[in-house]
Structure formats: structure tokens, C-alpha cells
Protein backbone atom coordinates (compact mmCIF):
# COMPACT_ATOMS: atom_id res chain seq x y z
CA UNK A 1 -56.91 -36.12 54.60
CA UNK A 2 -58.57 -39.02 56.19
CA UNK A 3 -58.37 -41.11 53.08
CA UNK A 4 -54.66 -40.61 52.85
CA UNK A 5 -54.25 -41.65 56.42
CA UNK A 6 -56.13 -44.84 55.69
CA UNK A 7 -54.26 -45.67 52.60
CA UNK A 8 -50.84 -45.06 54.14
CA UNK A 9 -51.21 -45.87 57.83
CA UNK A 10 -53.96 -48.20 58.33
CA UNK A 11 -52.23 -51.16 56.54
CA UNK A 12 -49.11 -50.72 58.90
CA UNK A 13 -51.22 -50.44 61.90
CA UNK A 14 -52.87 -53.83 60.90
CA UNK A 15 -49.59 -55.30 60.44
CA UNK A 16 -48.28 -54.41 64.03
CA UNK A 17 -51.55 -55.63 65.71
CA UNK A 18 -51.88 -58.95 63.68
CA UNK A 19 -48.33 -59.93 63.36
CA UNK A 20 -49.43 -63.62 62.66
CA UNK A 21 -51.39 -62.73 59.67
CA UNK A 22 -48.36 -60.41 58.40
CA UNK A 23 -46.19 -63.80 58.54
CA UNK A 24 -48.73 -65.69 56.76
CA UNK A 25 -48.97 -63.02 53.93
CA UNK A 26 -45.31 -63.05 53.51
CA UNK A 27 -45.10 -66.87 53.32
CA UNK A 28 -47.88 -66.98 50.57
CA UNK A 29 -46.11 -64.17 48.69
CA UNK A 30 -42.67 -65.95 48.99
CA UNK A 31 -44.07 -69.13 47.56
CA UNK A 32 -45.78 -67.43 44.60
CA UNK A 33 -42.50 -65.36 43.92
CA UNK A 34 -40.35 -68.47 43.94
CA UNK A 35 -42.75 -69.92 41.34
CA UNK A 36 -42.50 -66.84 39.14
CA UNK A 37 -38.84 -67.04 39.44
CA UNK A 38 -39.08 -70.60 37.99
CA UNK A 39 -41.03 -69.52 35.12
CA UNK A 40 -38.75 -66.45 34.40
CA UNK A 41 -35.87 -68.98 34.24
CA UNK A 42 -37.76 -70.58 31.11
CA UNK A 43 -37.72 -67.08 29.45
CA UNK A 44 -34.30 -66.27 30.22
CA UNK A 45 -32.68 -69.74 28.97
CA UNK A 46 -34.45 -69.22 25.54
CA UNK A 47 -33.52 -65.76 25.32
CA UNK A 48 -29.92 -66.35 26.09
CA UNK A 49 -29.51 -69.30 23.51
CA UNK A 50 -31.31 -67.89 20.73
CA UNK A 51 -32.01 -64.26 21.31
CA UNK A 52 -35.87 -65.11 21.28
CA UNK A 53 -38.01 -63.55 23.70
CA UNK A 54 -40.49 -66.50 24.01
CA UNK A 55 -43.90 -65.15 24.40
CA UNK A 56 -45.17 -68.85 24.37
CA UNK A 57 -43.50 -69.67 27.80
CA UNK A 58 -46.79 -69.01 29.59
CA UNK A 59 -49.02 -71.25 27.40
CA UNK A 60 -46.09 -74.10 27.47
CA UNK A 61 -47.03 -73.97 31.42
CA UNK A 62 -50.56 -74.83 30.64
CA UNK A 63 -49.81 -77.17 27.80
CA UNK A 64 -47.31 -79.28 29.67
CA UNK A 65 -49.73 -79.68 32.67
CA UNK A 66 -52.62 -80.44 30.62
CA UNK A 67 -50.56 -83.11 28.75
CA UNK A 68 -49.86 -84.81 32.05
CA UNK A 69 -53.33 -84.62 33.23
CA UNK A 70 -54.70 -85.93 29.88
CA UNK A 71 -52.41 -88.83 29.66
CA UNK A 72 -53.63 -89.81 33.15
CA UNK A 73 -57.17 -89.57 32.12
CA UNK A 74 -57.04 -91.95 29.66
CA UNK A 75 -55.55 -94.68 32.06
CA UNK A 76 -51.78 -93.99 31.87
CA UNK A 77 -50.09 -94.28 35.47
CA UNK A 78 -49.09 -91.03 36.97
CA UNK A 79 -45.42 -91.56 36.82
CA UNK A 80 -45.41 -92.90 33.17
CA UNK A 81 -47.79 -89.94 32.22
CA UNK A 82 -44.91 -87.66 33.53
CA UNK A 83 -42.32 -89.40 31.39
CA UNK A 84 -44.61 -89.01 28.26
CA UNK A 85 -45.23 -85.36 29.14
CA UNK A 86 -41.47 -84.90 29.18
CA UNK A 87 -41.24 -86.70 25.75
CA UNK A 88 -44.01 -84.44 24.46
CA UNK A 89 -42.13 -81.38 25.54
CA UNK A 90 -39.00 -82.84 23.82
CA UNK A 91 -40.85 -83.21 20.71
CA UNK A 92 -42.11 -79.72 20.84
CA UNK A 93 -38.58 -78.36 21.35
CA UNK A 94 -37.51 -80.22 18.13
CA UNK A 95 -40.34 -79.10 16.10
CA UNK A 96 -39.85 -75.41 17.35
CA UNK A 97 -36.35 -75.67 16.13
CA UNK A 98 -37.08 -77.26 12.78
CA UNK A 99 -39.91 -75.47 11.81
CA UNK A 100 -39.45 -71.96 13.58
CA UNK A 101 -35.87 -71.23 14.55
CA UNK A 102 -33.91 -72.89 11.76
CA UNK A 103 -35.71 -71.16 8.78
CA UNK A 104 -35.67 -67.77 10.67
CA UNK A 105 -32.07 -67.84 11.71
CA UNK A 106 -30.25 -64.33 11.52
CA UNK A 107 -33.77 -62.74 10.85
CA UNK A 108 -34.64 -59.53 12.93
CA UNK A 109 -35.52 -60.37 16.58
CA UNK A 110 -38.79 -58.72 16.18
CA UNK A 111 -39.80 -61.62 13.29
CA UNK A 112 -38.66 -64.08 15.87
CA UNK A 113 -40.64 -62.66 18.55
CA UNK A 114 -43.76 -62.53 16.43
CA UNK A 115 -43.17 -66.04 15.74
CA UNK A 116 -43.64 -67.05 19.10
CA UNK A 117 -46.90 -65.14 19.25
CA UNK A 118 -48.09 -67.63 16.46
CA UNK A 119 -46.62 -70.60 18.46
CA UNK A 120 -48.88 -69.37 21.67
CA UNK A 121 -52.07 -69.06 19.24
CA UNK A 122 -51.15 -72.73 18.03
CA UNK A 123 -50.77 -74.22 21.43
CA UNK A 124 -54.05 -72.60 22.71
CA UNK A 125 -55.87 -74.04 19.95
CA UNK A 126 -54.42 -77.34 19.86
CA UNK A 127 -54.58 -77.52 23.59
CA UNK A 128 -58.40 -76.63 23.63
CA UNK A 129 -58.90 -79.13 20.75
CA UNK A 130 -57.31 -82.03 22.48
CA UNK A 131 -57.95 -81.30 26.30
CA UNK A 132 -61.09 -79.15 26.14
CA UNK A 133 -61.32 -75.69 27.81
CA UNK A 134 -62.53 -77.02 31.27
CA UNK A 135 -60.29 -76.77 34.15
CA UNK A 136 -58.74 -79.96 35.39
CA UNK A 137 -57.63 -81.25 38.54
CA UNK A 138 -53.76 -81.99 39.01
CA UNK A 139 -53.04 -85.49 39.87
CA UNK A 140 -51.27 -84.38 43.14
CA UNK A 141 -52.07 -87.68 44.95
CA UNK A 142 -50.95 -89.91 42.30
CA UNK A 143 -47.54 -87.85 42.13
CA UNK A 144 -47.36 -88.30 45.85
CA UNK A 145 -47.41 -84.58 46.35
CA UNK A 146 -47.75 -83.59 50.13
CA UNK A 147 -51.12 -82.45 51.26
CA UNK A 148 -52.45 -80.84 54.37
CA UNK A 149 -51.10 -78.12 56.43
CA UNK A 150 -48.50 -77.60 59.10
CA UNK A 151 -49.76 -75.31 61.99
CA UNK A 152 -47.86 -73.55 64.59
CA UNK A 153 -48.17 -70.75 67.06
CA UNK A 154 -46.49 -67.74 66.42
CA UNK A 155 -46.60 -64.02 67.57
CA UNK A 156 -49.75 -64.64 69.52
CA UNK A 157 -51.64 -66.40 66.73
CA UNK A 158 -51.45 -69.46 64.45
CA UNK A 159 -49.70 -69.60 61.13
CA UNK A 160 -50.54 -72.17 58.72
CA UNK A 161 -48.21 -73.48 55.94
CA UNK A 162 -49.60 -75.71 53.42
CA UNK A 163 -47.33 -78.81 52.68
CA UNK A 164 -47.67 -78.40 49.03
CA UNK A 165 -46.58 -74.91 49.24
CA UNK A 166 -43.42 -75.89 51.13
CA UNK A 167 -42.72 -78.50 48.60
CA UNK A 168 -43.31 -76.13 45.69
CA UNK A 169 -40.83 -73.54 47.27
CA UNK A 170 -38.21 -76.09 47.81
CA UNK A 171 -38.48 -77.81 44.42
CA UNK A 172 -38.80 -74.48 42.52
CA UNK A 173 -35.66 -72.97 44.36
CA UNK A 174 -33.64 -76.11 43.65
CA UNK A 175 -34.62 -76.14 40.09
CA UNK A 176 -33.60 -72.54 39.61
CA UNK A 177 -30.31 -73.21 41.52
CA UNK A 178 -29.51 -76.40 39.84
CA UNK A 179 -30.24 -75.23 36.13
CA UNK A 180 -28.32 -71.95 36.88
CA UNK A 181 -25.32 -74.03 38.08
CA UNK A 182 -25.58 -76.55 35.13
CA UNK A 183 -25.51 -73.59 32.38
CA UNK A 184 -22.94 -71.63 34.29
CA UNK A 185 -20.56 -74.70 34.84
CA UNK A 186 -20.90 -77.33 32.00
CA UNK A 187 -19.86 -77.68 28.72
CA UNK A 188 -23.28 -77.30 27.36
CA UNK A 189 -23.63 -74.01 29.57
CA UNK A 190 -20.31 -72.67 28.01
CA UNK A 191 -21.74 -73.35 24.41
CA UNK A 192 -24.85 -71.64 25.30
CA UNK A 193 -23.04 -68.54 26.51
CA UNK A 194 -21.05 -68.63 23.20
CA UNK A 195 -24.23 -68.94 21.07
CA UNK A 196 -25.74 -66.06 23.15
CA UNK A 197 -22.66 -63.72 22.36
CA UNK A 198 -22.62 -64.59 18.60
CA UNK A 199 -23.99 -67.19 16.50
CA UNK A 200 -21.34 -66.86 13.75
CA UNK A 201 -18.55 -67.16 16.25
CA UNK A 202 -20.09 -70.14 17.89
CA UNK A 203 -20.51 -71.91 14.44
CA UNK A 204 -16.95 -71.04 13.76
CA UNK A 205 -15.76 -73.19 16.77
CA UNK A 206 -17.93 -76.02 15.89
CA UNK A 207 -20.93 -75.52 18.24
CA UNK A 208 -24.24 -76.66 16.64
CA UNK A 209 -26.88 -74.17 17.05
CA UNK A 210 -29.52 -76.62 16.38
CA UNK A 211 -28.49 -78.87 19.17
CA UNK A 212 -28.27 -75.87 21.70
CA UNK A 213 -31.61 -74.64 20.65
CA UNK A 214 -33.40 -78.10 21.20
CA UNK A 215 -31.59 -78.50 24.53
CA UNK A 216 -32.68 -75.07 25.63
CA UNK A 217 -36.10 -75.23 24.67
CA UNK A 218 -36.40 -78.69 26.14
CA UNK A 219 -35.15 -77.27 29.32
CA UNK A 220 -37.77 -74.53 29.22
CA UNK A 221 -40.29 -77.36 28.72
CA UNK A 222 -39.11 -79.07 31.83
CA UNK A 223 -39.38 -75.86 33.62
CA UNK A 224 -42.95 -75.30 32.20
CA UNK A 225 -43.96 -78.95 33.50
CA UNK A 226 -42.66 -78.50 36.79
CA UNK A 227 -44.47 -74.99 37.25
CA UNK A 228 -47.53 -76.23 35.83
CA UNK A 229 -47.58 -79.12 38.33
CA UNK A 230 -46.98 -76.85 41.17
CA UNK A 231 -49.37 -74.24 40.15
CA UNK A 232 -52.01 -76.74 39.21
CA UNK A 233 -51.46 -78.53 42.71
CA UNK A 234 -52.05 -75.29 44.35
CA UNK A 235 -55.36 -74.42 42.43
CA UNK A 236 -56.29 -76.35 39.29
CA UNK A 237 -55.05 -76.81 35.46
CA UNK A 238 -56.79 -74.33 33.18
CA UNK A 239 -55.70 -71.96 30.43
CA UNK A 240 -55.92 -69.07 33.01
CA UNK A 241 -52.52 -70.26 34.15
CA UNK A 242 -50.89 -68.51 31.23
CA UNK A 243 -51.96 -65.10 32.77
CA UNK A 244 -50.24 -66.35 36.12
CA UNK A 245 -47.06 -67.35 34.04
CA UNK A 246 -46.93 -63.71 32.69
CA UNK A 247 -46.31 -62.47 36.10
CA UNK A 248 -42.70 -63.77 35.49
CA UNK A 249 -42.27 -60.64 33.16
CA UNK A 250 -41.88 -58.32 36.23
CA UNK A 251 -39.48 -60.72 37.80
CA UNK A 252 -37.30 -60.39 34.48
CA UNK A 253 -37.34 -56.58 34.67
CA UNK A 254 -36.19 -56.67 38.49
CA UNK A 255 -33.08 -58.64 37.54
CA UNK A 256 -33.16 -62.08 35.94
CA UNK A 257 -33.98 -65.55 37.13
CA UNK A 258 -32.74 -65.82 40.68
CA UNK A 259 -35.30 -66.25 43.45
CA UNK A 260 -34.61 -62.72 44.86
CA UNK A 261 -36.62 -60.67 42.24
CA UNK A 262 -39.38 -63.35 42.38
CA UNK A 263 -39.73 -63.10 46.00
CA UNK A 264 -39.97 -59.40 45.81
CA UNK A 265 -42.77 -59.40 43.32
CA UNK A 266 -44.58 -62.13 45.07
CA UNK A 267 -44.28 -60.60 48.48
CA UNK A 268 -45.28 -57.13 47.25
CA UNK A 269 -48.62 -58.36 45.54
CA UNK A 270 -49.71 -60.38 48.47
CA UNK A 271 -49.08 -57.62 50.91
CA UNK A 272 -50.90 -55.17 48.35
CA UNK A 273 -53.95 -57.58 48.19
CA UNK A 274 -54.24 -58.20 51.73
CA UNK A 275 -53.80 -54.92 53.02
CA UNK A 276 -54.21 -52.25 50.40
CA UNK A 277 -56.86 -54.17 48.35
CA UNK A 278 -59.82 -53.32 50.87
CA UNK A 279 -58.82 -49.61 50.43
CA UNK A 280 -57.84 -49.52 46.75
CA UNK A 281 -60.35 -52.05 45.27
CA UNK A 282 -60.11 -55.81 44.96
CA UNK A 283 -57.96 -56.92 42.05
CA UNK A 284 -54.62 -55.22 42.95
CA UNK A 285 -52.87 -58.32 42.82
CA UNK A 286 -53.51 -58.57 39.07
CA UNK A 287 -51.73 -55.27 38.14
CA UNK A 288 -49.17 -54.52 41.20
CA UNK A 289 -46.56 -56.57 39.86
CA UNK A 290 -46.46 -54.59 36.67
CA UNK A 291 -46.63 -51.22 38.37
CA UNK A 292 -43.48 -52.51 40.38
CA UNK A 293 -41.86 -53.48 37.21
CA UNK A 294 -42.69 -49.97 35.56
CA UNK A 295 -41.14 -48.16 38.52
CA UNK A 296 -37.94 -50.26 38.22
CA UNK A 297 -37.76 -49.39 34.48
CA UNK A 298 -37.94 -45.96 35.07
CA UNK A 299 -35.40 -45.68 38.06
CA UNK A 300 -33.07 -48.61 37.23
CA UNK A 301 -33.59 -49.99 33.74
CA UNK A 302 -30.85 -52.61 34.25
CA UNK A 303 -32.72 -54.20 37.14
CA UNK A 304 -31.51 -54.98 40.66
CA UNK A 305 -28.37 -57.03 39.65
CA UNK A 306 -27.58 -55.89 36.09
CA UNK A 307 -24.73 -53.65 35.26
CA UNK A 308 -25.12 -50.15 33.85
CA UNK A 309 -24.46 -50.02 30.34
CA UNK A 310 -22.53 -46.93 29.20
CA UNK A 311 -22.21 -46.31 25.37
CA UNK A 312 -19.39 -44.08 24.44
CA UNK A 313 -19.74 -42.19 21.25
């Protein structure tokens, strides 16, 4: 009984007695959640355009960030390295379309899904060969990303907001909103929706599958690079970021690529780690997001914002 009391009531008592720590935890969870939503956007863009669940999106985040840092390490100026990294992601998008998607068009989805597993292994091996396996420091200062913290008094204590976290939350939110609006309101966006509905119908009205796939994979590469920069600036750039990128999967389960599901996942895991971690054991942050996703799959498979699908026989 005492154990249940500690597990269920102690954390809420701590929240009430130290509200400043609660605000700090909520903020850190919100930032992480928005970045998860940004990664989820890359998954959704590719799936909607080609019907492929791109398991390689996580390693694309790592590869894009390592490419940026790698160019700078050999003496390329930061912003030139940024442009070159974008060119590498465009080249990757073209290569994926030519080598993987085009030969496998109209094949079962499981074959395309397994092809992205192969792409993941290829990028890991090629990345380790070119850049090595050691963690690298993101060139935050050279890219003029903000550093330091903003501190202010709140609820009887002090709350500290890292400037890089503020910038990451703003940039990620703008990218999510901007890309969503672009693909909802533009000609390319309408073509993408047509391709997602039916490849044959899209071809019949003159839409080029090859061009759409390159555009969408390149857009996913841009998202991967932006995510890699933000996560790398908050910690470092290493292949461990691939595991972080997989936290976007629960975001997809909760309802897609808006910031709302990402915030739910990020805030939940931060609250769980800070308040329930000491009681349930450290490392709760590594699995809590997937438990939340499992609960939603059981209770509401269509997610927060999806429509319930009724099949009539």
C-alpha cells in the first residue's frame, strides 16, 4: 500500500510543492515533443507520396548532420557546408528514386518497407566509413545559433530556458506549419495527394511519380538536416540520434505530424523521467513514449485526429 501511495501520489505532491520545477520539466518536454513532431513530418511526407514507411528517416537525421559537420571539419565555411549538405540530401533523394523506388513501383508495401531497412544499413555503414563512429560537436556558433540561457523568477523559484531550446521550438514549429501549408495549398501538394490516393490515377492525369518522389524525399532530407542541427546543438552529433528519431513513431500513432501529438509525447516522457523515474527505475524516458503509443493503439487506433474507419461488408 505504501508503494502504491508513493507511485501515484508522491509525484503529484512534488509538483505542488515545487511548481517552478514542474514548469521547467514541462518546457523541456515541449521542446523535445516539437522536435519529435518535426521528425514525424519526414515520415508522413514520404508515406503519403509513395506509400513507403521510411524506416531510414532516423539515420537520415544523423547522416545529414554528420555531412554538415564533416564538410566544416575539412575547412568549408559553415553556411557553404550547409548548402553542400542540402545538395547531398538532394543527391540522396534522386538516388533513392532511381535505385529503389523506380524498380519497385507497384510492388507490395512490405518489399518497399524492407528496402528502407537496407537503406538504413547502407547509410550507417557509409556514414561510419566516411565520418567515423565518434560523436561530433555541432557547429552551433558558426551557424550563429543562440547560446546561453534566459532565467526568470516564477512561482517562488527560478526557471531557466536555454536559448537554443527556444530557437529549436520556434524553427521546428514554423517548419511543421510551413511544410504542412505548402503541401496542402500548392500545386505540388495537390499532386502529392493525388499520388497518395492512386499511382495509376496520378499517372493518367500527367503527374510524374518520379518528380514527386524526388521532391518529397528531398523535403524529408531538409527536415532531417534541420532536426539533426537542432538535436546536435542540444547534445552532440552521433549515431545515437537515430534512436532519438524513432521517438517520432509514437507521435505518428497519436495523430500525425502536427505539434500537438509531439508535445504530448515529449511532455509525458519528461514528466515520467523526472517524477516517476526515481520510483520506477531510471530509463523510463526510453520506453514511456512507446507505452503511450500502445495504449492509444488499443483504445483509439485512428489516433487523436484521425477519423474512425468503418468497413461495410
